[in-house]
Amino acid sequence: MKLPVPAEEQFRAPAHDERVTSKIGLALAVTFTTCFVTGLLSHLIQHPPVWFSWPSRPVGLYRVTQGLHVICGVASIPLLLAKLWSVYPKLFGRPLVRSLPHALERLSILVLSGAAFFELTTGLLNVAQNYPWGFYFPQVHYAVAWLAIGSILVHVAVKLPVIRRALSRATVAEEPPSTGLSRRGFLRTTGLAAGVAVVATAGATVPFLRGVSGLSWKTGKGTQNLPVNRTAAAAGVTWSPTWRLSVVTPRGTTAFSLDQLRALPQTTAELPIACVEGWSQSAIWRGVSLPVLLKAAGAAPGTAVRVSSLERNGLYGVSVLPGEHTADELTLLALELNGEVLDLDHGFPCRIIAPNRPGVLQTKWVAKLEAL
């Protein structure tokens, strides 16, 4: 027996009211826009075009922006589900296409829904460091983000008259009797779900929430009281007593043994590791500041430096420290972590730790520095 297809008008629950849809959509626009802007910023820091410059201070700025990126992404999940529940009766509207604006609206919703689900799902899996796909996550996540933000702009432009009408009513009509949640009840439940999701995970990047963030990841785990994303074994790195750090400058190449590095003036600084997965944690680092090391090797601080690791096959075995960071005394070639000699998993014999940088660019197991 063929079941009857309901009409859009038959869905009268308060959750489907256009005021509810518009308010949730407004919150979703804020979280998605924040995700897009902070994600774009992270992409530019990791793949800087010639016009882009990122400062070394304040030291925790990247920690804040990437934390916001992940927190807003987590908050977007219940918001998106609530928004789709609010509007799904429109799937039963007839005719399917009423006009060109209506066709654009439906197309933008299709693209927006697909892009949003892709971004949130892959982003959540990336946070958990679970990669069940065959593509390079940063590139694809970045590309689909443009689809998502573009479809949001089209959707908002098409629906702007409805949004204005829904959000600017001087008085709100009484709700008809209903056995389900009221409009306010549905909105409060949605807000509560988003809040619980944020509190349960935000401890990964917000220190004072760590005690109540049962679902936060990474923080507080690992050796030397700091999480480890990639171990020395996974990177295929071993250390030999014959290791020397090569520093290449216009004056030539200078080789430093570990004892010679320890003999240089040492700087101690509290700096955060801020990972692209959203977790961050501060630690006490001690080592040679880049300005001191460059001067000792015959280069001027403020010169961009290419950093090469003992890791040969990793995606981040080479990074570039821009001049803003090599001139900063808090940019360290770290030899110690939290009062102890660096563990091999944390980059022994030395690693880069620079203020206001993504963790993937804080190169471990440093073998060579080249002034550019």
Protein backbone atom coordinates (compact mmCIF):
# COMPACT_ATOMS: atom_id res chain seq x y z
CA MET A 1 0.00 0.00 0.00
CA LYS A 2 1.34 3.39 -0.97
CA LEU A 3 1.60 5.81 1.95
CA PRO A 4 0.25 9.33 1.37
CA VAL A 5 2.83 12.09 1.02
CA PRO A 6 2.17 14.82 3.59
CA ALA A 7 1.83 18.44 2.53
CA GLU A 8 4.07 21.14 3.93
CA GLU A 9 1.06 22.82 5.58
CA GLN A 10 0.42 19.75 7.73
CA PHE A 11 3.55 20.34 9.79
CA ARG A 12 2.34 22.73 12.47
CA ALA A 13 4.76 22.08 15.32
CA PRO A 14 6.24 25.27 16.81
CA ALA A 15 9.73 24.00 15.99
CA HIS A 16 8.96 24.58 12.29
CA ASP A 17 8.05 28.24 12.76
CA GLU A 18 10.06 30.66 10.64
CA ARG A 19 11.11 32.62 13.74
CA VAL A 20 12.69 29.47 15.15
CA THR A 21 14.38 28.71 11.84
CA SER A 22 15.70 32.25 11.50
CA LYS A 23 17.10 32.43 15.04
CA ILE A 24 18.87 29.09 14.76
CA GLY A 25 20.09 30.06 11.30
CA LEU A 26 21.50 33.30 12.71
CA ALA A 27 23.42 31.39 15.41
CA LEU A 28 24.65 28.91 12.80
CA ALA A 29 25.80 31.76 10.56
CA VAL A 30 27.88 33.17 13.43
CA THR A 31 29.53 29.83 14.28
CA PHE A 32 30.18 28.92 10.65
CA THR A 33 31.57 32.36 9.80
CA THR A 34 33.87 32.19 12.82
CA CYS A 35 35.01 28.73 11.70
CA PHE A 36 35.66 30.00 8.19
CA VAL A 37 37.63 33.09 9.25
CA THR A 38 39.77 31.26 11.82
CA GLY A 39 40.30 28.32 9.45
CA LEU A 40 41.35 30.70 6.66
CA LEU A 41 43.77 32.35 9.07
CA SER A 42 45.29 28.98 10.02
CA HIS A 43 45.67 28.08 6.34
CA LEU A 44 47.43 31.38 5.60
CA ILE A 45 49.83 30.89 8.51
CA GLN A 46 50.77 27.41 7.30
CA HIS A 47 50.88 28.34 3.59
CA PRO A 48 51.66 32.07 3.59
CA PRO A 49 51.39 34.03 0.34
CA VAL A 50 53.89 36.83 -0.18
CA TRP A 51 51.51 39.51 1.09
CA PHE A 52 50.65 37.75 4.36
CA SER A 53 52.39 38.48 7.65
CA TRP A 54 51.69 36.89 11.04
CA PRO A 55 53.13 38.42 14.25
CA SER A 56 54.98 36.55 16.99
CA ARG A 57 53.08 38.35 19.74
CA PRO A 58 50.83 37.91 21.62
CA VAL A 59 52.26 34.45 22.18
CA GLY A 60 48.86 32.75 22.56
CA LEU A 61 46.94 34.37 19.71
CA TYR A 62 46.97 31.28 17.48
CA ARG A 63 45.90 29.24 20.49
CA VAL A 64 42.80 31.44 20.75
CA THR A 65 41.95 31.49 17.04
CA GLN A 66 42.34 27.74 16.53
CA GLY A 67 40.52 27.02 19.78
CA LEU A 68 37.64 29.18 18.54
CA HIS A 69 37.72 27.30 15.24
CA VAL A 70 37.19 23.92 16.89
CA ILE A 71 34.78 25.16 19.59
CA CYS A 72 32.54 26.84 17.01
CA GLY A 73 32.69 23.72 14.87
CA VAL A 74 31.51 21.60 17.80
CA ALA A 75 28.73 24.08 18.59
CA SER A 76 27.63 24.01 14.94
CA ILE A 77 26.75 20.31 15.06
CA PRO A 78 23.63 20.55 17.28
CA LEU A 79 22.74 23.88 15.66
CA LEU A 80 22.82 22.33 12.18
CA LEU A 81 20.74 19.34 13.26
CA ALA A 82 18.16 21.68 14.86
CA LYS A 83 18.06 23.88 11.76
CA LEU A 84 17.46 20.88 9.49
CA TRP A 85 14.70 19.62 11.80
CA SER A 86 13.08 23.04 11.70
CA VAL A 87 12.99 23.24 7.90
CA TYR A 88 12.55 19.64 6.77
CA PRO A 89 8.77 20.09 6.12
CA LYS A 90 9.76 22.28 3.17
CA LEU A 91 10.87 19.09 1.42
CA PHE A 92 7.18 18.36 0.97
CA GLY A 93 6.37 21.76 -0.56
CA ARG A 94 4.81 21.72 -4.04
CA PRO A 95 5.60 22.63 -6.73
CA LEU A 96 9.24 21.66 -6.28
CA VAL A 97 10.45 24.80 -8.09
CA ARG A 98 8.30 27.93 -8.05
CA SER A 99 10.67 30.56 -9.44
CA LEU A 100 14.32 31.29 -10.15
CA PRO A 101 14.96 32.60 -6.60
CA HIS A 102 13.25 29.50 -5.23
CA ALA A 103 15.45 27.27 -7.41
CA LEU A 104 18.57 29.14 -6.21
CA GLU A 105 17.40 28.74 -2.63
CA ARG A 106 16.98 24.97 -3.00
CA LEU A 107 20.31 24.60 -4.77
CA SER A 108 22.08 26.65 -2.10
CA ILE A 109 20.49 24.50 0.61
CA LEU A 110 21.65 21.32 -1.12
CA VAL A 111 25.23 22.60 -1.45
CA LEU A 112 25.19 24.12 2.03
CA SER A 113 23.90 20.95 3.69
CA GLY A 114 26.43 18.73 1.92
CA ALA A 115 29.36 21.07 2.54
CA ALA A 116 28.38 21.67 6.17
CA PHE A 117 28.04 17.97 6.95
CA PHE A 118 31.35 17.26 5.24
CA GLU A 119 33.19 20.03 7.11
CA LEU A 120 31.78 19.14 10.51
CA THR A 121 32.19 15.38 10.11
CA THR A 122 35.75 15.49 8.77
CA GLY A 123 36.68 18.23 11.23
CA LEU A 124 35.45 16.12 14.15
CA LEU A 125 37.36 13.08 12.89
CA ASN A 126 40.47 15.24 12.43
CA VAL A 127 40.20 16.40 16.04
CA ALA A 128 40.15 12.73 17.04
CA GLN A 129 43.09 12.09 14.66
CA ASN A 130 41.04 9.47 12.84
CA TYR A 131 41.49 9.64 9.05
CA PRO A 132 39.30 7.04 7.28
CA TRP A 133 39.78 8.70 3.89
CA GLY A 134 42.34 8.69 1.12
CA PHE A 135 42.68 12.45 0.58
CA TYR A 136 44.87 15.11 2.19
CA PHE A 137 42.58 16.58 4.83
CA PRO A 138 43.85 20.21 5.03
CA GLN A 139 43.52 20.85 1.28
CA VAL A 140 40.06 19.30 0.92
CA HIS A 141 38.74 20.81 4.16
CA TYR A 142 39.95 24.22 3.00
CA ALA A 143 38.39 23.88 -0.47
CA VAL A 144 35.00 22.70 0.81
CA ALA A 145 34.99 25.58 3.33
CA TRP A 146 34.74 28.00 0.40
CA LEU A 147 31.75 26.03 -0.94
CA ALA A 148 30.11 26.20 2.48
CA ILE A 149 30.62 29.94 2.99
CA GLY A 150 29.57 30.71 -0.59
CA SER A 151 26.34 28.71 -0.27
CA ILE A 152 25.64 30.42 3.07
CA LEU A 153 25.91 33.84 1.41
CA VAL A 154 23.58 32.80 -1.42
CA HIS A 155 21.10 31.25 1.00
CA VAL A 156 21.06 34.33 3.26
CA ALA A 157 20.63 36.65 0.26
CA VAL A 158 17.65 34.65 -1.02
CA LYS A 159 16.04 34.28 2.41
CA LEU A 160 16.76 37.82 3.63
CA PRO A 161 13.12 39.04 3.31
CA VAL A 162 11.91 36.05 5.36
CA ILE A 163 14.65 36.56 7.96
CA ARG A 164 13.80 40.25 8.31
CA ARG A 165 10.11 39.50 8.67
CA ALA A 166 10.70 36.74 11.20
CA LEU A 167 13.14 38.66 13.39
CA SER A 168 11.55 42.12 13.28
CA ARG A 169 8.01 41.39 14.39
CA ALA A 170 6.95 43.84 17.05
CA THR A 171 4.60 41.31 18.61
CA VAL A 172 4.59 37.57 18.41
CA ALA A 173 1.35 35.76 17.80
CA GLU A 174 0.27 33.28 20.44
CA GLU A 175 1.31 29.74 19.66
CA PRO A 176 -1.50 27.33 18.87
CA PRO A 177 -1.93 24.50 21.38
CA SER A 178 0.63 21.80 20.76
CA THR A 179 1.76 18.57 22.38
CA GLY A 180 5.38 19.24 21.43
CA LEU A 181 7.95 21.77 22.55
CA SER A 182 7.08 25.44 22.29
CA ARG A 183 9.17 27.75 20.14
CA ARG A 184 11.07 28.96 23.19
CA GLY A 185 11.41 25.42 24.48
CA PHE A 186 12.91 24.22 21.20
CA LEU A 187 15.32 27.16 21.06
CA ARG A 188 16.36 26.67 24.67
CA THR A 189 16.90 22.95 24.11
CA THR A 190 19.02 23.68 21.04
CA GLY A 191 21.06 26.26 22.94
CA LEU A 192 21.51 23.86 25.84
CA ALA A 193 22.68 21.07 23.50
CA ALA A 194 25.21 23.40 21.88
CA GLY A 195 26.41 24.61 25.28
CA VAL A 196 26.83 21.09 26.64
CA ALA A 197 28.77 20.07 23.51
CA VAL A 198 31.11 23.03 23.92
CA VAL A 199 31.67 22.57 27.66
CA ALA A 200 32.26 18.83 27.18
CA THR A 201 35.06 19.44 24.67
CA ALA A 202 36.44 22.96 25.14
CA GLY A 203 38.80 21.90 27.93
CA ALA A 204 41.20 20.82 25.20
CA THR A 205 42.01 24.47 24.65
CA VAL A 206 40.44 26.38 27.60
CA PRO A 207 42.43 25.56 30.77
CA PHE A 208 39.74 26.41 33.36
CA LEU A 209 37.26 24.02 31.68
CA ARG A 210 39.55 20.98 31.78
CA GLY A 211 38.05 19.73 35.00
CA VAL A 212 34.56 19.48 33.50
CA SER A 213 35.35 18.70 29.86
CA GLY A 214 34.95 14.95 29.91
CA LEU A 215 35.20 14.62 26.14
CA SER A 216 38.22 16.86 25.61
CA TRP A 217 41.16 15.29 23.82
CA LYS A 218 44.94 15.16 24.21
CA THR A 219 45.34 17.65 27.07
CA GLY A 220 47.40 16.37 29.99
CA LYS A 221 48.47 13.20 28.22
CA GLY A 222 51.86 12.24 26.87
CA THR A 223 55.38 12.32 28.25
CA GLN A 224 56.81 15.26 30.22
CA ASN A 225 53.25 16.50 30.90
CA LEU A 226 52.71 17.40 27.25
CA PRO A 227 50.76 15.52 24.56
CA VAL A 228 52.57 13.92 21.64
CA ASN A 229 50.98 13.90 18.18
CA ARG A 230 53.80 12.07 16.39
CA THR A 231 56.32 9.86 18.15
CA ALA A 232 59.94 9.41 17.12
CA ALA A 233 59.17 5.78 16.20
CA ALA A 234 56.32 6.86 13.92
CA ALA A 235 58.62 9.44 12.31
CA GLY A 236 61.45 6.93 11.91
CA VAL A 237 63.83 9.13 13.89
CA THR A 238 66.79 7.89 15.90
CA TRP A 239 69.63 9.88 17.47
CA SER A 240 73.35 9.37 17.26
CA PRO A 241 76.03 10.99 19.48
CA THR A 242 77.66 12.18 16.25
CA TRP A 243 74.66 14.47 15.58
CA ARG A 244 75.48 18.07 14.78
CA LEU A 245 73.19 21.01 14.09
CA SER A 246 74.14 22.71 10.81
CA VAL A 247 73.43 26.43 10.63
CA VAL A 248 73.85 27.78 7.10
CA THR A 249 74.33 31.54 6.74
CA PRO A 250 75.94 33.85 4.16
CA ARG A 251 79.16 33.44 6.19
CA GLY A 252 79.14 29.68 5.64
CA THR A 253 78.04 26.60 7.57
CA THR A 254 78.57 26.32 11.31
CA ALA A 255 78.12 22.99 13.08
CA PHE A 256 77.04 22.88 16.73
CA SER A 257 77.22 19.85 18.96
CA LEU A 258 74.67 19.42 21.71
CA ASP A 259 77.24 20.49 24.32
CA GLN A 260 78.07 23.62 22.31
CA LEU A 261 74.37 24.53 22.12
CA ARG A 262 74.07 24.08 25.88
CA ALA A 263 77.09 26.33 26.37
CA LEU A 264 75.37 29.25 24.59
CA PRO A 265 73.21 31.68 26.64
CA GLN A 266 69.95 29.95 27.54
CA THR A 267 66.45 31.43 27.61
CA THR A 268 63.51 30.06 29.59
CA ALA A 269 59.95 30.83 28.47
CA GLU A 270 56.43 29.59 29.07
CA LEU A 271 54.88 29.05 25.65
CA PRO A 272 51.87 27.09 24.42
CA ILE A 273 51.79 24.29 21.92
CA ALA A 274 48.67 25.03 19.90
CA CYS A 275 47.72 22.20 17.57
CA VAL A 276 45.61 22.49 14.44
CA GLU A 277 43.36 19.78 15.94
CA GLY A 278 42.29 22.38 18.50
CA TRP A 279 44.06 21.23 21.66
CA SER A 280 46.64 23.47 23.30
CA GLN A 281 48.74 23.39 26.42
CA SER A 282 51.39 25.62 27.92
CA ALA A 283 54.80 24.32 28.96
CA ILE A 284 58.12 25.65 30.25
CA TRP A 285 60.77 25.55 27.54
CA ARG A 286 64.48 26.25 27.82
CA GLY A 287 67.01 26.59 25.05
CA VAL A 288 68.87 28.96 22.75
CA SER A 289 66.89 31.89 21.40
CA LEU A 290 67.02 32.22 17.61
CA PRO A 291 68.50 35.76 17.69
CA VAL A 292 71.40 34.48 19.84
CA LEU A 293 71.96 31.43 17.64
CA LEU A 294 71.85 33.41 14.39
CA LYS A 295 74.34 35.93 15.71
CA ALA A 296 76.65 33.11 16.81
CA ALA A 297 76.49 31.65 13.29
CA GLY A 298 76.97 34.98 11.50
CA ALA A 299 73.41 35.90 10.45
CA ALA A 300 71.23 38.80 11.48
CA PRO A 301 68.09 38.21 13.57
CA GLY A 302 65.00 38.93 11.50
CA THR A 303 66.21 36.76 8.62
CA ALA A 304 63.78 34.07 7.49
CA VAL A 305 65.08 30.61 8.32
CA ARG A 306 64.29 27.23 6.78
CA VAL A 307 64.16 24.52 9.44
CA SER A 308 64.85 20.91 8.44
CA SER A 309 64.16 17.89 10.60
CA LEU A 310 65.80 14.48 10.94
CA GLU A 311 62.37 13.21 9.85
CA ARG A 312 62.64 12.68 6.11
CA ASN A 313 59.19 11.58 4.96
CA GLY A 314 56.83 13.64 7.10
CA LEU A 315 54.61 16.33 5.64
CA TYR A 316 56.02 18.83 8.14
CA GLY A 317 59.68 17.78 8.15
CA VAL A 318 60.57 21.24 6.81
CA SER A 319 59.16 24.57 7.93
CA VAL A 320 60.06 28.22 7.47
CA LEU A 321 60.38 30.63 10.36
CA PRO A 322 59.61 34.14 9.10
CA GLY A 323 61.67 37.13 10.16
CA GLU A 324 59.08 38.25 12.72
CA HIS A 325 59.83 35.08 14.67
CA THR A 326 63.60 34.81 14.21
CA ALA A 327 63.92 38.34 15.62
CA ASP A 328 61.85 37.42 18.70
CA GLU A 329 63.89 36.36 21.74
CA LEU A 330 61.10 33.95 22.72
CA THR A 331 61.60 31.88 19.58
CA LEU A 332 63.73 29.04 20.90
CA LEU A 333 65.75 26.14 19.72
CA ALA A 334 64.50 24.22 22.74
CA LEU A 335 66.71 21.73 24.57
CA GLU A 336 64.59 21.22 27.69
CA LEU A 337 60.88 20.81 28.45
CA ASN A 338 59.32 21.34 31.87
CA GLY A 339 62.71 21.24 33.58
CA GLU A 340 63.92 18.06 31.89
CA VAL A 341 66.02 17.26 28.84
CA LEU A 342 63.71 16.89 25.84
CA ASP A 343 62.31 13.40 25.45
CA LEU A 344 62.98 11.88 22.04
CA ASP A 345 59.24 11.97 21.29
CA HIS A 346 59.26 15.71 21.97
CA GLY A 347 62.10 16.40 19.55
CA PHE A 348 65.42 15.54 21.24
CA PRO A 349 68.10 16.71 20.73
CA CYS A 350 66.43 20.04 19.88
CA ARG A 351 63.25 21.43 18.43
CA ILE A 352 61.72 24.74 17.45
CA ILE A 353 59.24 26.36 19.81
CA ALA A 354 58.08 29.77 18.64
CA PRO A 355 55.37 32.04 20.02
CA ASN A 356 52.05 32.25 18.17
CA ARG A 357 52.70 29.38 15.75
CA PRO A 358 50.72 26.21 14.86
CA GLY A 359 52.09 23.05 16.44
CA VAL A 360 52.74 21.45 13.04
CA LEU A 361 55.28 24.21 12.34
CA GLN A 362 57.11 23.73 15.67
CA THR A 363 59.57 21.37 13.97
CA LYS A 364 61.01 18.55 16.06
CA TRP A 365 64.37 16.72 15.72
CA VAL A 366 66.02 19.73 14.08
CA ALA A 367 69.03 18.89 11.91
CA LYS A 368 69.63 22.09 9.90
CA LEU A 369 68.81 25.80 9.90
CA GLU A 370 69.28 27.80 6.69
CA ALA A 371 69.14 31.59 6.56
CA LEU A 372 67.14 32.59 3.49
